[in-house]
């Protein structure tokens, strides 16, 4: 996507919902962000097979969906004083959410992931597919609340991901929330890979210093990097973790490696902002500027 496409973005956050408690929490996160950076929100429900089964089992029709969306929108307006619209569309949730985000000019999506409490089952591989098919960054939220925003943001650095693409977005978040970026560097014992990682880390630090960003660097020990990141985030009382998907060299699209998936569904329930690389270029850099 060309840099000129930035003009198509409308300072909008898309929030899919199946009206579960955790989806209401995602909407609260979106409202907190929107109030902080002067964005608007669109609450979206995709009518799929799960929706129709739910309506049938509760003897409801589609008007009930409109009523639920309107009620949730009204509560967000009352609680956060933000602009909220609603949208209902039929389709497959995996593709329809990306289409809605593109058509509306959304800058980002805030999506809940949960267990069996939500009838659309936005969990595990289903949530991953929404994220990797998304044309915009996706904030994945569990039950943890927005509270005071994102004051402490974890930025994992490894040789697995081209994380340098996350730097300008991380800077924007740091400035918006007056946050501290908590860099955690993966462990590498092979000299060549360690040298590559050190160069990458130094480039990131130089950019942060150029923008006078508050940061702290920690080097992880040996062991599973995902577990190290989650443990580090919990000890540091982090509010947000940044991760980036990987480009597939043989097939179009993106995927998450195992440790990124573990971070996304972390047991500490820390929100995770997920980005797809390369194809979206500098849009991430300007997303929250």
Protein backbone atom coordinates (compact mmCIF):
# COMPACT_ATOMS: atom_id res chain seq x y z
CA UNK A 1 0.00 0.00 0.00
CA UNK A 2 1.37 3.38 -0.95
CA UNK A 3 2.10 6.07 1.59
CA UNK A 4 -0.41 8.35 -0.15
CA UNK A 5 -3.17 6.06 1.12
CA UNK A 6 -2.80 7.67 4.54
CA UNK A 7 -5.27 10.35 3.43
CA UNK A 8 -7.99 7.67 3.23
CA UNK A 9 -7.84 7.09 6.96
CA UNK A 10 -10.63 8.75 8.93
CA UNK A 11 -9.42 8.73 12.55
CA UNK A 12 -11.74 5.81 13.19
CA UNK A 13 -11.57 2.70 15.38
CA UNK A 14 -13.61 -0.34 14.33
CA UNK A 15 -14.83 -2.55 17.17
CA UNK A 16 -16.43 -5.91 16.30
CA UNK A 17 -18.84 -7.20 18.94
CA UNK A 18 -20.97 -10.23 19.67
CA UNK A 19 -22.34 -8.48 22.79
CA UNK A 20 -20.35 -10.61 25.23
CA UNK A 21 -18.77 -9.09 28.34
CA UNK A 22 -15.27 -9.22 26.92
CA UNK A 23 -16.47 -7.46 23.73
CA UNK A 24 -17.90 -4.71 25.93
CA UNK A 25 -14.44 -4.41 27.46
CA UNK A 26 -12.91 -4.09 23.99
CA UNK A 27 -15.37 -1.28 23.27
CA UNK A 28 -14.31 0.42 26.51
CA UNK A 29 -10.65 0.19 25.42
CA UNK A 30 -11.56 1.71 22.06
CA UNK A 31 -13.50 4.49 23.76
CA UNK A 32 -10.59 5.25 26.07
CA UNK A 33 -8.24 5.47 23.09
CA UNK A 34 -10.72 7.52 21.06
CA UNK A 35 -11.17 10.04 23.86
CA UNK A 36 -7.41 10.34 24.29
CA UNK A 37 -6.55 10.88 20.61
CA UNK A 38 -9.83 12.41 19.35
CA UNK A 39 -10.93 9.46 17.19
CA UNK A 40 -14.45 8.16 16.59
CA UNK A 41 -15.69 4.58 16.95
CA UNK A 42 -17.78 2.28 14.80
CA UNK A 43 -19.33 -0.73 16.56
CA UNK A 44 -19.70 -3.57 14.07
CA UNK A 45 -21.59 -6.82 14.14
CA UNK A 46 -21.09 -9.34 11.35
CA UNK A 47 -24.13 -11.55 10.86
CA UNK A 48 -22.82 -15.05 10.25
CA UNK A 49 -24.04 -18.57 10.93
CA UNK A 50 -23.28 -18.21 14.64
CA UNK A 51 -25.41 -15.05 14.82
CA UNK A 52 -28.34 -16.71 13.11
CA UNK A 53 -28.14 -19.71 15.44
CA UNK A 54 -28.04 -17.37 18.44
CA UNK A 55 -31.03 -15.36 17.20
CA UNK A 56 -33.02 -18.52 16.55
CA UNK A 57 -32.22 -20.07 19.93
CA UNK A 58 -33.34 -16.86 21.68
CA UNK A 59 -36.40 -16.28 19.44
CA UNK A 60 -35.04 -12.94 18.26
CA UNK A 61 -34.74 -11.20 14.90
CA UNK A 62 -32.16 -8.81 13.45
CA UNK A 63 -33.87 -5.82 15.04
CA UNK A 64 -32.55 -7.12 18.35
CA UNK A 65 -28.99 -6.73 17.02
CA UNK A 66 -29.65 -3.11 16.09
CA UNK A 67 -31.10 -2.46 19.54
CA UNK A 68 -28.08 -4.00 21.25
CA UNK A 69 -25.63 -1.98 19.14
CA UNK A 70 -27.56 1.23 19.75
CA UNK A 71 -27.62 0.62 23.50
CA UNK A 72 -23.88 -0.08 23.63
CA UNK A 73 -23.14 2.99 21.50
CA UNK A 74 -25.27 5.16 23.78
CA UNK A 75 -23.46 3.91 26.87
CA UNK A 76 -20.06 4.69 25.34
CA UNK A 77 -21.17 8.19 24.38
CA UNK A 78 -22.45 8.75 27.92
CA UNK A 79 -19.38 7.34 29.66
CA UNK A 80 -16.61 8.64 27.38
CA UNK A 81 -18.09 11.57 25.42
CA UNK A 82 -16.93 10.14 22.08
CA UNK A 83 -18.63 9.84 18.69
CA UNK A 84 -19.98 6.33 18.07
CA UNK A 85 -21.69 4.88 15.01
CA UNK A 86 -22.94 1.35 14.37
CA UNK A 87 -22.84 -1.02 11.41
CA UNK A 88 -24.34 -4.45 10.68
CA UNK A 89 -23.25 -6.59 7.76
CA UNK A 90 -23.75 -10.17 6.64
CA UNK A 91 -20.72 -12.27 5.80
CA UNK A 92 -17.86 -14.30 7.15
CA UNK A 93 -16.31 -12.54 10.11
CA UNK A 94 -12.74 -13.20 8.93
CA UNK A 95 -13.11 -11.34 5.64
CA UNK A 96 -15.98 -8.95 6.43
CA UNK A 97 -14.15 -7.15 9.24
CA UNK A 98 -11.25 -6.33 6.92
CA UNK A 99 -13.66 -5.13 4.24
CA UNK A 100 -15.49 -2.90 6.72
CA UNK A 101 -12.22 -1.46 8.03
CA UNK A 102 -11.04 -0.61 4.51
CA UNK A 103 -14.36 0.83 3.32
CA UNK A 104 -14.76 3.02 6.40
CA UNK A 105 -11.17 4.23 6.41
CA UNK A 106 -10.48 2.83 9.87
CA UNK A 107 -7.07 3.41 11.39
CA UNK A 108 -7.22 0.41 13.69
CA UNK A 109 -9.42 -2.34 15.08
CA UNK A 110 -9.98 -3.24 18.73
CA UNK A 111 -11.06 -6.85 19.04
CA UNK A 112 -11.91 -9.01 22.03
CA UNK A 113 -10.73 -12.57 22.26
CA UNK A 114 -12.50 -14.88 24.64
CA UNK A 115 -13.42 -18.42 25.46
CA UNK A 116 -16.85 -19.94 25.09
CA UNK A 117 -18.73 -16.98 26.53
CA UNK A 118 -19.16 -15.28 23.15
CA UNK A 119 -21.31 -16.88 20.48
CA UNK A 120 -18.94 -15.93 17.64
CA UNK A 121 -16.01 -17.77 19.25
CA UNK A 122 -13.35 -15.09 18.68
CA UNK A 123 -10.57 -17.15 20.19
CA UNK A 124 -7.48 -19.09 19.17
CA UNK A 125 -7.13 -19.66 15.44
CA UNK A 126 -10.29 -17.64 14.72
CA UNK A 127 -8.85 -14.53 16.36
CA UNK A 128 -5.51 -15.12 14.65
CA UNK A 129 -7.17 -15.24 11.27
CA UNK A 130 -8.94 -11.93 11.86
CA UNK A 131 -5.62 -10.35 12.86
CA UNK A 132 -3.54 -11.71 10.00
CA UNK A 133 -6.24 -10.82 7.44
CA UNK A 134 -6.66 -7.29 8.79
CA UNK A 135 -5.58 -4.31 6.66
CA UNK A 136 -5.06 -2.28 9.86
CA UNK A 137 -3.38 -2.92 13.22
CA UNK A 138 -5.52 -4.90 15.66
CA UNK A 139 -5.56 -4.38 19.41
CA UNK A 140 -6.44 -7.74 20.97
CA UNK A 141 -8.16 -7.36 24.33
CA UNK A 142 -9.17 -9.95 26.93
CA UNK A 143 -10.83 -9.06 30.27
CA UNK A 144 -8.27 -6.56 31.51
CA UNK A 145 -9.67 -3.01 31.59
CA UNK A 146 -8.36 0.17 29.98
CA UNK A 147 -7.81 1.88 33.35
CA UNK A 148 -5.52 4.89 32.81
CA UNK A 149 -4.45 3.86 29.33
CA UNK A 150 -1.12 2.48 28.16
CA UNK A 151 1.54 3.87 30.47
CA UNK A 152 4.02 1.00 30.17
CA UNK A 153 4.40 -0.56 26.72
CA UNK A 154 6.46 -3.71 26.08
CA UNK A 155 8.40 -3.79 22.80
CA UNK A 156 9.91 -7.27 22.13
CA UNK A 157 12.96 -7.34 19.86
CA UNK A 158 14.00 -10.54 18.14
CA UNK A 159 15.53 -11.74 14.90
CA UNK A 160 12.24 -13.41 13.99
CA UNK A 161 10.41 -10.19 13.18
CA UNK A 162 11.18 -6.98 11.31
CA UNK A 163 10.29 -5.04 14.43
CA UNK A 164 11.87 -1.83 13.20
CA UNK A 165 8.58 -1.21 11.38
CA UNK A 166 6.93 -0.85 14.79
CA UNK A 167 9.21 1.95 15.96
CA UNK A 168 7.31 5.00 14.76
CA UNK A 169 4.00 3.60 15.97
CA UNK A 170 5.60 2.89 19.32
CA UNK A 171 6.83 6.47 19.42
CA UNK A 172 3.34 7.78 18.65
CA UNK A 173 1.86 5.67 21.44
CA UNK A 174 4.54 6.82 23.87
CA UNK A 175 3.84 10.46 23.10
CA UNK A 176 0.06 10.07 23.23
CA UNK A 177 0.05 8.28 26.58
CA UNK A 178 3.25 9.70 28.07
CA UNK A 179 4.35 6.09 28.36
CA UNK A 180 7.62 4.31 28.98
CA UNK A 181 8.69 1.85 26.27
CA UNK A 182 10.01 -1.35 27.80
CA UNK A 183 12.33 -2.95 25.27
CA UNK A 184 13.11 -6.63 25.81
CA UNK A 185 15.75 -8.20 23.60
CA UNK A 186 15.67 -11.91 22.82
CA UNK A 187 18.57 -14.14 23.87
CA UNK A 188 21.00 -15.18 21.11
CA UNK A 189 24.12 -17.20 21.84
CA UNK A 190 25.29 -17.71 18.25
CA UNK A 191 27.72 -14.81 17.50
CA UNK A 192 26.38 -14.00 14.03
CA UNK A 193 22.74 -13.85 15.13
CA UNK A 194 23.64 -11.96 18.29
CA UNK A 195 25.45 -9.35 16.21
CA UNK A 196 22.39 -8.97 13.93
CA UNK A 197 20.12 -8.54 16.93
CA UNK A 198 22.43 -6.01 18.56
CA UNK A 199 22.48 -3.92 15.38
CA UNK A 200 18.70 -4.01 15.15
CA UNK A 201 18.36 -3.04 18.80
CA UNK A 202 20.81 -0.17 18.46
CA UNK A 203 18.95 1.20 15.44
CA UNK A 204 15.71 1.16 17.42
CA UNK A 205 17.35 2.91 20.38
CA UNK A 206 18.84 5.59 18.15
CA UNK A 207 15.38 6.36 16.74
CA UNK A 208 13.88 6.52 20.22
CA UNK A 209 16.61 8.88 21.38
CA UNK A 210 16.06 11.08 18.34
CA UNK A 211 12.46 11.61 19.45
CA UNK A 212 13.36 11.85 23.14
CA UNK A 213 11.30 8.80 24.03
CA UNK A 214 11.39 7.34 27.53
CA UNK A 215 12.60 3.75 27.31
CA UNK A 216 14.29 0.96 29.22
CA UNK A 217 16.21 -1.95 27.69
CA UNK A 218 16.25 -5.43 29.23
CA UNK A 219 17.99 -8.46 27.76
CA UNK A 220 16.10 -11.72 28.20
CA UNK A 221 17.77 -14.82 29.48
CA UNK A 222 17.73 -18.21 27.82
CA UNK A 223 14.46 -20.03 27.39
CA UNK A 224 11.14 -19.53 25.66
CA UNK A 225 11.00 -15.91 24.51
CA UNK A 226 7.21 -15.68 24.77
CA UNK A 227 7.30 -16.83 28.38
CA UNK A 228 10.11 -14.37 29.08
CA UNK A 229 8.17 -11.50 27.49
CA UNK A 230 4.95 -12.30 29.38
CA UNK A 231 6.80 -12.69 32.68
CA UNK A 232 8.69 -9.45 32.04
CA UNK A 233 5.46 -7.62 31.16
CA UNK A 234 3.78 -8.86 34.34
CA UNK A 235 6.72 -7.89 36.57
CA UNK A 236 6.90 -4.46 34.93
CA UNK A 237 3.12 -3.93 35.32
CA UNK A 238 2.85 -3.39 31.57
CA UNK A 239 -0.40 -2.13 30.03
CA UNK A 240 0.31 -3.11 26.42
CA UNK A 241 2.54 -5.44 24.37
CA UNK A 242 3.45 -4.84 20.72
CA UNK A 243 3.92 -7.76 18.32
CA UNK A 244 4.34 -8.08 14.57
CA UNK A 245 3.33 -10.91 12.29
CA UNK A 246 5.63 -12.45 9.71
CA UNK A 247 5.29 -12.32 5.94
CA UNK A 248 4.87 -15.73 4.30
CA UNK A 249 7.59 -16.22 1.71
CA UNK A 250 5.67 -18.83 -0.29
CA UNK A 251 2.04 -17.77 0.07
CA UNK A 252 0.37 -14.36 0.24
CA UNK A 253 -0.60 -13.11 3.67
CA UNK A 254 0.86 -13.14 7.14
CA UNK A 255 1.21 -15.50 10.06
CA UNK A 256 2.29 -15.44 13.70
CA UNK A 257 5.08 -17.61 15.01
CA UNK A 258 4.45 -19.69 18.11
CA UNK A 259 5.82 -17.21 20.61
CA UNK A 260 3.80 -14.34 19.12
CA UNK A 261 0.64 -16.41 19.49
CA UNK A 262 1.47 -17.12 23.11
CA UNK A 263 1.91 -13.41 23.73
CA UNK A 264 -1.38 -12.55 22.04
CA UNK A 265 -3.29 -14.91 24.34
CA UNK A 266 -1.14 -14.27 27.41
CA UNK A 267 -2.48 -15.46 30.76
CA UNK A 268 -1.79 -12.06 32.34
CA UNK A 269 -4.48 -10.75 29.94
CA UNK A 270 -2.36 -7.77 28.91
CA UNK A 271 -3.71 -6.17 25.70
CA UNK A 272 -1.60 -6.86 22.61
CA UNK A 273 -1.32 -4.58 19.58
CA UNK A 274 -0.70 -6.71 16.48
CA UNK A 275 0.70 -5.40 13.21
CA UNK A 276 1.20 -6.94 9.79
CA UNK A 277 4.48 -5.82 8.17
CA UNK A 278 5.72 -4.49 4.86
CA UNK A 279 2.52 -4.24 2.81
CA UNK A 280 1.18 -1.38 4.90
CA UNK A 281 4.37 0.64 4.82
CA UNK A 282 4.44 3.93 6.64
CA UNK A 283 0.75 3.94 7.53
CA UNK A 284 1.74 2.44 10.87
CA UNK A 285 4.22 5.23 11.35
CA UNK A 286 1.56 7.91 11.03
CA UNK A 287 -1.36 6.00 12.51
CA UNK A 288 -1.65 7.85 15.77
CA UNK A 289 0.33 10.98 14.91
